[in-house]
Amino acid sequence: KIMNMNSSSHRYTQPPSSRQKQEPEDADQVIVQTDFGRGLIVRTRKSDGIKEIRLGDVKSSSSSPAFRRREPNMLYTPKDYPSVPPCIGDDVICEYGRGVLKEIADDKYTIELASWRLSGRSNVTCHVVSSPPKVVRKHALHEMDSAEKVALAKSQKAEAAKYFSEKDYTGALNTYASAVDKVRNVQHDHTSSNEVRADLVVIMITCSNNAATCCIKLAKWEEASKFASNALIMLDALYGKRGMKIHTILNSEGIIDAKLFGEWRVKSYLVVARACMEQGEVEDAIAILKKAKGLGMPYIDELSSSADQSSRGKEEKASLRALTLQMKEIKRLVAEYSEKRKAAKKIEKKKAKVMAKALFGGGDGKENATPDKQNNAKERDSSDTKQHVEQVNDEQEKAFEDQTGVGIGAATSQTAGAGTRKAPFKRKSSLKSKLEREDPPVHQSVSFSDQPPQVKEFDRAKDDDDDETPWQKHKEALILMGIAGVSVLTIVGLRRAYR
């Protein structure tokens, strides 16, 4: 008897009086081949022996969201349908228990049993030749125990490593993150051995660090910092429990302290420092790098100080090599980030100077003058000097005429008419011609009278003009301060008046 539960006309509903309490589902739901296609034996009733077979969907469980969104086609029959042919990797059940099919050779099925748990990491393998095992639905995540979740996370970690080697960083990131999610909320019980707990810690740390590395490759700095911080939390917790069972198991399996608390921690700090630098937190990045160096150097010194280098194990040599490379990377990043910090400080100083000049004025303007403006100022000063010298000469000639009553030209003509022919009066040196030959301004005067020479100090006035008063230099700032003060006093007065 088959019923289409999607059709309202064929929906089977029992009367309230005849409804019975629903029996629990089968623990191992077998996938069978029916007359209507593949189906999953959800439940076998003990009262009448009827099998409830869900057709079509043989992967999801009854409690999964995909199953709840629709009503599947159900087959109710007492007939025993055969199981589908098994394939390598399927979950199967045999007379010895449940496990995973590893190999098929000449009607011999090699099954690694999951229902048998031995001490340590020993697995039980059985070989079935009498009859092929039955294929069962894989457990959903909520149906798995801690050992199954750890095994699933291990398989996903290996899959993510393949994506990373192929430079598919997005696929690697998603798979690493999925592996972390599989074991994030594992609830340990009496079936969880210490080896399973140790494996869980290793998966959480390594997958978080590898996911952070993928985020760095994809320039996802915030996510990279979060993954690396999760790894550091696990490492700090494990560091506080040194010498206990999990730490002892990891050391016995070749994961030494130099790798745990040196190499893996430094890797996490490097990721966090890069993320901080890309987000503009230069000071934090340099501080984190220095902290990472302080964590890694003691292990390098410890591994390097052993007298007999041949006695080092394979793990110690690998950790020493990895830590040495990490220290070189830290040194390079510290130098690079320090240069960027200096450049940033210079830019900040320039901005501060520009803001100060904009607020309090730019000074006398000579320092910021362009070369063209400076040349124009020099030419203007030279022309002013020439005009002043010509004015001094005219004043001296006028004074000579006032004293002698005869001009310079007349005096020379009278002397020539007296009988002694002399060359016309000619100055031996002319201030004007001398000024034209020399670039620097000449500050001197010539007098043709018996009175002492009259020298006019024309540079003093210019120097006095350059010495500006504080009011002239900071005129705008003082005005603004005065306006602000008046505003404050006005507001205070208004408040008091309205009280």
Protein backbone atom coordinates (compact mmCIF):
# COMPACT_ATOMS: atom_id res chain seq x y z
CA LYS A 1 0.00 0.00 0.00
CA ILE A 2 1.48 3.33 -1.07
CA MET A 3 0.15 6.75 -0.18
CA ASN A 4 0.99 10.12 -1.70
CA MET A 5 1.21 12.40 1.28
CA ASN A 6 1.51 15.46 -0.97
CA SER A 7 -2.05 14.98 -2.24
CA SER A 8 -4.82 16.07 0.11
CA SER A 9 -7.27 13.56 -1.38
CA HIS A 10 -4.99 10.65 -0.46
CA ARG A 11 -3.87 11.89 2.92
CA TYR A 12 -4.18 9.16 5.51
CA THR A 13 -5.43 10.33 8.88
CA GLN A 14 -6.37 8.10 11.77
CA PRO A 15 -9.44 8.92 13.89
CA PRO A 16 -8.59 10.46 17.28
CA SER A 17 -9.95 7.42 19.09
CA SER A 18 -7.74 5.03 17.16
CA ARG A 19 -4.51 7.03 17.30
CA GLN A 20 -1.69 5.28 19.06
CA LYS A 21 1.55 6.59 20.41
CA GLN A 22 4.12 6.69 17.59
CA GLU A 23 6.96 4.24 17.98
CA PRO A 24 10.57 5.50 17.88
CA GLU A 25 12.50 5.45 14.65
CA ASP A 26 15.03 2.76 13.90
CA ALA A 27 18.50 3.49 15.18
CA ASP A 28 20.06 2.23 11.95
CA GLN A 29 17.85 3.14 9.02
CA VAL A 30 18.55 0.81 6.09
CA ILE A 31 18.42 2.05 2.49
CA VAL A 32 16.45 -0.46 0.39
CA GLN A 33 15.53 -0.93 -3.25
CA THR A 34 11.72 -1.07 -3.60
CA ASP A 35 9.40 -1.49 -6.55
CA PHE A 36 8.99 2.30 -6.61
CA GLY A 37 12.68 3.20 -6.35
CA ARG A 38 15.06 3.68 -3.48
CA GLY A 39 13.63 4.14 -0.05
CA LEU A 40 14.65 4.52 3.58
CA ILE A 41 13.16 2.33 6.29
CA VAL A 42 12.30 4.99 8.86
CA ARG A 43 10.47 2.78 11.36
CA THR A 44 9.51 -0.86 11.81
CA ARG A 45 6.40 -1.29 13.89
CA LYS A 46 6.69 -3.95 16.54
CA SER A 47 2.94 -4.34 16.88
CA ASP A 48 2.17 -5.44 13.33
CA GLY A 49 5.58 -5.65 11.61
CA ILE A 50 4.74 -2.93 9.06
CA LYS A 51 7.73 -1.04 7.67
CA GLU A 52 7.41 2.71 7.05
CA ILE A 53 9.57 3.45 4.03
CA ARG A 54 10.25 7.01 2.88
CA LEU A 55 10.69 7.06 -0.88
CA GLY A 56 13.08 9.29 -2.77
CA ASP A 57 14.95 11.14 -0.01
CA VAL A 58 17.31 8.64 1.60
CA LYS A 59 19.91 11.05 3.04
CA SER A 60 18.12 13.38 5.46
CA SER A 61 16.71 12.32 8.81
CA SER A 62 13.15 12.93 9.95
CA SER A 63 14.31 15.71 12.30
CA SER A 64 16.26 17.61 9.66
CA PRO A 65 14.93 20.98 8.36
CA ALA A 66 14.89 19.66 4.78
CA PHE A 67 12.52 16.87 5.81
CA ARG A 68 10.25 19.20 7.80
CA ARG A 69 9.69 21.56 4.87
CA ARG A 70 7.85 18.92 2.84
CA GLU A 71 5.77 15.83 3.28
CA PRO A 72 7.45 12.87 1.56
CA ASN A 73 5.89 9.92 -0.18
CA MET A 74 5.59 7.03 2.24
CA LEU A 75 5.33 3.30 1.61
CA TYR A 76 3.80 1.03 4.28
CA THR A 77 4.49 -2.64 3.66
CA PRO A 78 5.37 -5.82 5.56
CA LYS A 79 7.62 -6.94 2.68
CA ASP A 80 11.37 -7.23 3.25
CA TYR A 81 13.09 -5.36 0.44
CA PRO A 82 16.82 -5.97 -0.19
CA SER A 83 19.44 -3.36 0.63
CA VAL A 84 21.05 -1.35 -2.14
CA PRO A 85 24.52 -2.55 -3.26
CA PRO A 86 27.22 -1.14 -0.94
CA CYS A 87 30.02 1.14 -2.15
CA ILE A 88 33.32 2.14 -0.59
CA GLY A 89 32.77 4.90 1.97
CA ASP A 90 29.17 3.95 2.75
CA ASP A 91 27.99 3.49 6.27
CA VAL A 92 27.05 -0.17 6.62
CA ILE A 93 25.82 -2.53 9.28
CA CYS A 94 26.84 -6.16 9.63
CA GLU A 95 26.58 -8.90 12.24
CA TYR A 96 29.50 -7.34 14.18
CA GLY A 97 28.14 -3.82 14.34
CA ARG A 98 28.09 -0.54 12.43
CA GLY A 99 31.04 0.87 10.54
CA VAL A 100 32.42 2.31 7.30
CA LEU A 101 33.15 0.16 4.26
CA LYS A 102 36.85 0.53 3.40
CA GLU A 103 37.48 -2.11 0.73
CA ILE A 104 35.70 -4.58 -1.56
CA ALA A 105 37.67 -7.45 -3.08
CA ASP A 106 36.24 -10.73 -4.45
CA ASP A 107 33.05 -10.64 -2.40
CA LYS A 108 35.06 -9.79 0.72
CA TYR A 109 34.05 -6.61 2.46
CA THR A 110 36.51 -4.84 4.78
CA ILE A 111 34.69 -2.76 7.38
CA GLU A 112 36.20 -0.42 9.98
CA LEU A 113 33.84 -0.66 12.90
CA ALA A 114 32.77 2.53 14.66
CA SER A 115 30.63 0.89 17.30
CA TRP A 116 33.69 -0.72 18.90
CA ARG A 117 35.95 1.57 20.94
CA LEU A 118 39.34 0.43 22.19
CA SER A 119 41.82 2.26 24.37
CA GLY A 120 44.19 4.62 22.67
CA ARG A 121 43.72 5.04 18.94
CA SER A 122 43.27 1.40 17.95
CA ASN A 123 40.57 0.66 15.39
CA VAL A 124 38.69 -2.63 14.93
CA THR A 125 38.54 -3.98 11.38
CA CYS A 126 36.45 -6.95 10.30
CA HIS A 127 36.15 -8.86 7.02
CA VAL A 128 32.70 -10.04 5.94
CA VAL A 129 32.40 -12.77 3.30
CA SER A 130 29.12 -14.52 4.07
CA SER A 131 26.69 -11.87 2.85
CA PRO A 132 27.07 -8.25 1.79
CA PRO A 133 26.46 -5.68 4.57
CA LYS A 134 23.37 -3.49 4.56
CA VAL A 135 23.77 0.16 3.62
CA VAL A 136 22.40 2.56 6.24
CA ARG A 137 21.85 6.31 6.28
CA LYS A 138 24.74 8.39 7.55
CA HIS A 139 24.17 10.04 10.88
CA ALA A 140 23.26 13.71 10.93
CA LEU A 141 25.47 16.01 12.97
CA HIS A 142 23.12 16.08 15.94
CA GLU A 143 23.04 12.28 15.93
CA MET A 144 26.82 11.87 16.10
CA ASP A 145 28.79 11.34 19.25
CA SER A 146 32.02 13.20 19.95
CA ALA A 147 34.23 10.62 18.25
CA GLU A 148 32.19 10.71 15.05
CA LYS A 149 32.25 14.52 14.98
CA VAL A 150 36.02 14.56 15.40
CA ALA A 151 36.40 11.98 12.63
CA LEU A 152 34.20 14.08 10.33
CA ALA A 153 36.22 17.22 11.11
CA LYS A 154 39.45 15.34 10.32
CA SER A 155 38.13 14.35 6.90
CA GLN A 156 37.09 17.94 6.17
CA LYS A 157 40.51 19.20 7.25
CA ALA A 158 42.19 16.89 4.74
CA GLU A 159 39.77 18.06 2.05
CA ALA A 160 40.52 21.72 2.84
CA ALA A 161 44.26 21.07 2.56
CA LYS A 162 43.71 19.91 -1.03
CA TYR A 163 41.81 23.11 -1.84
CA PHE A 164 44.62 25.21 -0.34
CA SER A 165 47.32 23.39 -2.33
CA GLU A 166 45.31 24.15 -5.48
CA LYS A 167 45.13 27.84 -4.44
CA ASP A 168 41.37 27.65 -4.08
CA TYR A 169 41.41 29.79 -0.95
CA THR A 170 37.65 30.34 -0.87
CA GLY A 171 36.92 26.61 -0.91
CA ALA A 172 39.66 25.99 1.66
CA LEU A 173 38.28 28.72 3.95
CA ASN A 174 34.75 27.35 3.80
CA THR A 175 35.91 23.79 4.50
CA TYR A 176 38.20 24.78 7.37
CA ALA A 177 35.40 26.85 8.90
CA SER A 178 33.00 23.91 8.51
CA ALA A 179 35.46 21.61 10.30
CA VAL A 180 35.68 24.08 13.19
CA ASP A 181 31.88 24.28 13.40
CA LYS A 182 31.60 20.49 13.55
CA VAL A 183 33.53 20.29 16.82
CA ARG A 184 32.81 23.72 18.30
CA ASN A 185 29.95 22.62 20.54
CA VAL A 186 30.92 19.04 21.26
CA GLN A 187 29.48 17.79 24.53
CA HIS A 188 31.81 15.19 26.01
CA ASP A 189 30.40 12.22 27.90
CA HIS A 190 31.73 8.98 29.34
CA THR A 191 32.33 7.65 25.82
CA SER A 192 34.80 10.48 25.02
CA SER A 193 38.33 9.24 25.55
CA ASN A 194 41.29 11.50 26.28
CA GLU A 195 42.60 10.82 22.78
CA VAL A 196 39.36 12.14 21.29
CA ARG A 197 39.62 15.27 23.43
CA ALA A 198 43.24 15.78 22.35
CA ASP A 199 42.25 15.40 18.68
CA LEU A 200 39.49 17.95 19.15
CA VAL A 201 41.95 20.51 20.56
CA VAL A 202 44.36 19.98 17.66
CA ILE A 203 41.59 20.34 15.06
CA MET A 204 40.28 23.53 16.66
CA ILE A 205 43.74 25.15 16.74
CA THR A 206 45.06 24.06 13.34
CA CYS A 207 41.82 24.63 11.41
CA SER A 208 41.37 28.09 12.98
CA ASN A 209 44.94 29.10 12.09
CA ASN A 210 44.59 27.71 8.56
CA ALA A 211 41.27 29.49 8.08
CA ALA A 212 42.94 32.73 9.23
CA THR A 213 45.69 32.19 6.65
CA CYS A 214 43.05 31.77 3.93
CA CYS A 215 41.44 35.04 5.07
CA ILE A 216 44.80 36.79 4.72
CA LYS A 217 45.08 35.48 1.16
CA LEU A 218 41.57 36.80 0.44
CA ALA A 219 42.20 40.15 2.24
CA LYS A 220 39.45 39.47 4.80
CA TRP A 221 41.29 41.09 7.69
CA GLU A 222 38.54 41.15 10.29
CA GLU A 223 37.68 37.46 9.81
CA ALA A 224 41.38 36.57 9.88
CA SER A 225 41.78 38.27 13.24
CA LYS A 226 38.76 36.41 14.66
CA PHE A 227 39.99 32.96 13.57
CA ALA A 228 43.50 33.62 14.90
CA SER A 229 42.09 34.91 18.19
CA ASN A 230 40.06 31.69 18.58
CA ALA A 231 43.23 29.65 18.14
CA LEU A 232 45.01 31.77 20.76
CA ILE A 233 42.16 31.19 23.24
CA MET A 234 42.54 27.43 22.85
CA LEU A 235 46.32 27.61 23.16
CA ASP A 236 46.18 29.79 26.27
CA ALA A 237 43.72 27.37 27.88
CA LEU A 238 45.97 24.41 27.05
CA TYR A 239 49.04 26.30 28.33
CA GLY A 240 47.33 26.68 31.68
CA LYS A 241 46.84 22.89 31.86
CA ARG A 242 50.39 21.81 31.08
CA GLY A 243 51.31 18.44 32.50
CA MET A 244 47.74 17.18 32.52
CA LYS A 245 46.37 14.30 30.46
CA ILE A 246 45.63 16.03 27.17
CA HIS A 247 48.96 17.88 27.16
CA THR A 248 50.79 14.65 27.98
CA ILE A 249 49.04 12.79 25.15
CA LEU A 250 49.95 15.50 22.63
CA ASN A 251 53.61 15.45 23.71
CA SER A 252 53.73 11.65 23.46
CA GLU A 253 52.37 11.83 19.90
CA GLY A 254 55.08 14.20 18.71
CA ILE A 255 53.40 17.58 19.24
CA ILE A 256 56.06 19.11 21.49
CA ASP A 257 55.78 22.38 23.43
CA ALA A 258 57.92 24.24 20.90
CA LYS A 259 55.28 23.49 18.29
CA LEU A 260 52.24 23.98 20.50
CA PHE A 261 53.15 27.12 22.43
CA GLY A 262 55.87 28.41 20.12
CA GLU A 263 55.18 27.77 16.46
CA TRP A 264 51.37 27.71 16.57
CA ARG A 265 51.06 30.73 18.86
CA VAL A 266 53.52 32.80 16.84
CA LYS A 267 51.57 31.93 13.68
CA SER A 268 48.37 33.24 15.28
CA TYR A 269 50.05 36.45 16.43
CA LEU A 270 51.50 37.05 12.95
CA VAL A 271 48.01 36.87 11.45
CA VAL A 272 46.60 39.25 14.09
CA ALA A 273 49.47 41.72 13.52
CA ARG A 274 48.91 41.75 9.75
CA ALA A 275 45.20 42.31 10.26
CA CYS A 276 45.90 45.23 12.64
CA MET A 277 48.34 46.79 10.17
CA GLU A 278 45.86 46.60 7.29
CA GLN A 279 43.23 48.24 9.49
CA GLY A 280 45.57 51.16 10.29
CA GLU A 281 46.52 50.10 13.83
CA VAL A 282 50.29 50.40 13.42
CA GLU A 283 51.18 50.68 17.10
CA ASP A 284 49.13 47.59 18.00
CA ALA A 285 50.70 45.61 15.15
CA ILE A 286 54.25 46.40 16.31
CA ALA A 287 53.39 45.55 19.93
CA ILE A 288 51.90 42.19 18.88
CA LEU A 289 54.97 41.35 16.80
CA LYS A 290 57.26 42.08 19.73
CA LYS A 291 55.11 39.88 21.96
CA ALA A 292 55.30 37.05 19.41
CA LYS A 293 59.07 37.39 19.30
CA GLY A 294 59.23 37.14 23.09
CA LEU A 295 57.21 33.91 22.95
CA GLY A 296 59.23 32.23 20.22
CA MET A 297 62.82 33.11 21.15
CA PRO A 298 62.95 31.00 24.38
CA TYR A 299 62.04 27.86 22.42
CA ILE A 300 64.67 28.65 19.78
CA ASP A 301 67.29 29.09 22.49
CA GLU A 302 66.18 25.85 24.14
CA LEU A 303 66.34 23.85 20.92
CA SER A 304 69.62 25.43 19.82
CA SER A 305 71.41 25.01 23.15
CA SER A 306 71.34 21.22 23.14
CA ALA A 307 74.93 19.97 23.10
CA ASP A 308 74.32 16.93 20.96
CA GLN A 309 72.52 18.07 17.83
CA SER A 310 72.30 14.51 16.51
CA SER A 311 70.10 13.61 19.48
CA ARG A 312 67.37 16.02 18.33
CA GLY A 313 64.24 14.36 17.14
CA LYS A 314 62.50 14.96 13.87
CA GLU A 315 59.86 17.09 15.55
CA GLU A 316 62.45 19.28 17.30
CA LYS A 317 64.33 19.97 14.06
CA ALA A 318 61.10 20.84 12.25
CA SER A 319 60.00 23.20 15.03
CA LEU A 320 63.41 24.89 15.18
CA ARG A 321 63.37 25.49 11.45
CA ALA A 322 59.81 26.83 11.49
CA LEU A 323 60.45 29.13 14.46
CA THR A 324 63.63 30.51 12.85
CA LEU A 325 61.69 31.44 9.71
CA GLN A 326 58.98 33.04 11.82
CA MET A 327 61.52 35.18 13.70
CA LYS A 328 62.95 36.42 10.38
CA GLU A 329 59.45 37.31 9.23
CA ILE A 330 58.81 39.17 12.48
CA LYS A 331 62.04 41.16 12.09
CA ARG A 332 61.12 42.13 8.55
CA LEU A 333 57.60 43.17 9.49
CA VAL A 334 58.79 45.23 12.48
CA ALA A 335 61.22 47.17 10.25
CA GLU A 336 58.54 47.70 7.61
CA TYR A 337 55.89 48.83 10.07
CA SER A 338 58.36 51.15 11.85
CA GLU A 339 59.10 52.95 8.58
CA LYS A 340 55.39 53.33 7.92
CA ARG A 341 54.93 54.72 11.42
CA LYS A 342 57.67 57.35 10.85
CA ALA A 343 56.12 58.36 7.54
CA ALA A 344 52.72 58.68 9.18
CA LYS A 345 54.16 60.89 11.94
CA LYS A 346 55.79 63.19 9.37
CA ILE A 347 52.49 63.57 7.56
CA GLU A 348 50.75 64.36 10.85
CA LYS A 349 53.34 67.05 11.67
CA LYS A 350 52.88 68.68 8.27
CA LYS A 351 49.12 68.66 8.71
CA ALA A 352 49.49 70.20 12.17
CA LYS A 353 51.69 73.00 10.78
CA VAL A 354 49.20 73.76 8.02
CA MET A 355 46.34 73.88 10.53
CA ALA A 356 48.34 76.13 12.86
CA LYS A 357 49.11 78.57 10.04
CA ALA A 358 45.46 78.54 8.99
CA LEU A 359 44.34 79.32 12.56
CA PHE A 360 47.02 81.79 13.73
CA GLY A 361 48.32 83.30 10.51
CA GLY A 362 51.29 82.46 8.31
CA GLY A 363 53.94 84.82 9.89
CA ASP A 364 55.77 87.48 7.82
CA GLY A 365 55.48 85.39 4.68
CA LYS A 366 59.23 85.45 3.87
CA GLU A 367 59.80 81.78 4.65
CA ASN A 368 57.01 80.60 2.40
CA ALA A 369 57.79 83.01 -0.44
CA THR A 370 58.47 81.46 -3.83
CA PRO A 371 61.75 82.15 -5.71
CA ASP A 372 59.94 84.45 -8.15
CA LYS A 373 58.53 86.55 -5.32
CA GLN A 374 61.96 86.74 -3.65
CA ASN A 375 63.59 87.96 -6.90
CA ASN A 376 60.88 90.58 -7.37
CA ALA A 377 61.49 91.81 -3.82
CA LYS A 378 65.25 92.11 -4.46
CA GLU A 379 64.69 94.12 -7.65
CA ARG A 380 62.25 96.38 -5.84
CA ASP A 381 64.78 97.01 -3.01
CA SER A 382 67.57 97.76 -5.56
CA SER A 383 65.43 100.32 -7.44
CA ASP A 384 64.48 102.00 -4.13
CA THR A 385 68.16 102.28 -3.22
CA LYS A 386 69.05 103.87 -6.57
CA GLN A 387 66.31 106.46 -6.21
CA HIS A 388 67.50 107.30 -2.72
CA VAL A 389 71.14 107.81 -3.82
CA GLU A 390 70.05 110.12 -6.66
CA GLN A 391 68.01 112.13 -4.16
CA VAL A 392 71.07 112.46 -1.84
CA ASN A 393 73.22 113.73 -4.75
CA ASP A 394 70.64 116.35 -5.68
CA GLU A 395 70.48 117.57 -2.08
CA GLN A 396 74.27 117.86 -1.88
CA GLU A 397 74.47 119.87 -5.12
CA LYS A 398 71.80 122.22 -3.83
CA ALA A 399 73.70 122.72 -0.55
CA PHE A 400 76.89 123.58 -2.52
CA GLU A 401 75.02 126.21 -4.52
CA ASP A 402 73.61 127.75 -1.33
CA GLN A 403 77.08 128.09 0.21
CA THR A 404 79.02 129.40 -2.82
CA GLY A 405 76.21 131.04 -4.72
CA VAL A 406 77.42 129.35 -7.86
CA GLY A 407 76.35 126.02 -9.19
CA ILE A 408 78.75 123.26 -9.92
CA GLY A 409 78.55 123.89 -13.66
CA ALA A 410 79.18 127.66 -13.23
CA ALA A 411 82.14 127.12 -10.94
CA THR A 412 83.86 125.00 -13.51
CA SER A 413 83.29 127.57 -16.29
CA GLN A 414 84.72 130.46 -14.18
CA THR A 415 87.81 128.53 -13.38
CA ALA A 416 88.37 127.86 -17.07
CA GLY A 417 87.91 131.57 -17.95
CA ALA A 418 90.60 132.68 -15.49
CA GLY A 419 93.27 131.68 -17.94
CA THR A 420 94.05 128.33 -16.71
CA ARG A 421 92.44 125.84 -18.92
CA LYS A 422 91.46 122.76 -17.10
CA ALA A 423 89.34 119.91 -18.02
CA PRO A 424 85.69 120.28 -17.08
CA PHE A 425 84.80 119.17 -13.62
CA LYS A 426 84.28 115.48 -13.48
CA ARG A 427 83.69 113.39 -10.44
CA LYS A 428 86.26 110.71 -9.87
CA SER A 429 83.67 108.24 -8.79
CA SER A 430 79.97 108.30 -9.32
CA LEU A 431 77.72 106.63 -6.82
CA LYS A 432 75.27 105.81 -9.56
CA SER A 433 77.79 104.06 -11.80
CA LYS A 434 79.34 102.31 -8.84
CA LEU A 435 75.93 101.09 -7.77
CA GLU A 436 75.29 99.77 -11.26
CA ARG A 437 78.53 97.73 -11.16
CA GLU A 438 77.87 96.16 -7.79
CA ASP A 439 74.83 94.09 -6.95
CA PRO A 440 74.68 94.72 -3.21
CA PRO A 441 73.25 98.11 -2.23
CA VAL A 442 75.88 100.74 -1.23
CA HIS A 443 74.94 102.69 1.89
CA GLN A 444 77.11 105.84 1.56
CA SER A 445 76.83 109.53 0.61
CA VAL A 446 79.06 112.24 -0.94
CA SER A 447 79.29 115.87 0.26
CA PHE A 448 80.84 118.88 -1.56
CA SER A 449 80.78 121.22 1.43
CA ASP A 450 82.96 121.67 4.49
CA GLN A 451 80.18 120.36 6.68
CA PRO A 452 80.36 116.75 7.84
CA PRO A 453 78.74 114.27 5.47
CA GLN A 454 75.04 113.66 5.88
CA VAL A 455 74.19 110.00 5.86
CA LYS A 456 70.53 108.97 5.82
CA GLU A 457 69.70 105.73 7.53
CA PHE A 458 67.06 104.28 5.21
CA ASP A 459 67.32 100.60 6.33
CA ARG A 460 66.28 101.26 9.92
CA ALA A 461 62.74 102.11 8.94
CA LYS A 462 62.51 98.90 6.92
CA ASP A 463 63.83 96.85 9.83
CA ASP A 464 61.33 98.52 12.14
CA ASP A 465 58.54 97.56 9.74
CA ASP A 466 59.64 93.91 9.82
CA ASP A 467 59.44 93.75 13.65
CA GLU A 468 55.70 93.27 13.90
CA THR A 469 53.91 93.50 17.19
CA PRO A 470 52.09 90.46 18.66
CA TRP A 471 48.80 92.14 17.77
CA GLN A 472 49.83 92.32 14.08
CA LYS A 473 51.05 88.70 13.99
CA HIS A 474 48.04 87.16 15.72
CA LYS A 475 45.39 89.70 14.85
CA GLU A 476 42.82 87.18 13.53
CA ALA A 477 43.27 84.77 16.45
CA LEU A 478 42.90 87.52 19.03
CA ILE A 479 39.76 88.82 17.35
CA LEU A 480 38.23 85.34 17.34
CA MET A 481 39.11 84.87 21.01
CA GLY A 482 37.49 88.18 21.85
CA ILE A 483 34.31 87.30 19.97
CA ALA A 484 34.18 83.92 21.74
CA GLY A 485 34.64 85.54 25.12
CA VAL A 486 31.88 88.08 24.47
CA SER A 487 29.56 85.26 23.32
CA VAL A 488 30.21 83.25 26.48
CA LEU A 489 29.57 86.27 28.71
CA THR A 490 26.36 87.05 26.82
CA ILE A 491 25.04 83.49 27.20
CA VAL A 492 25.89 83.44 30.92
CA GLY A 493 24.16 86.77 31.42
CA LEU A 494 21.03 85.65 29.56
CA ARG A 495 20.82 82.50 31.65
CA ARG A 496 21.04 84.46 34.87
CA ALA A 497 18.43 86.92 33.63
CA TYR A 498 15.86 84.19 32.86
CA ARG A 499 16.31 82.33 36.17
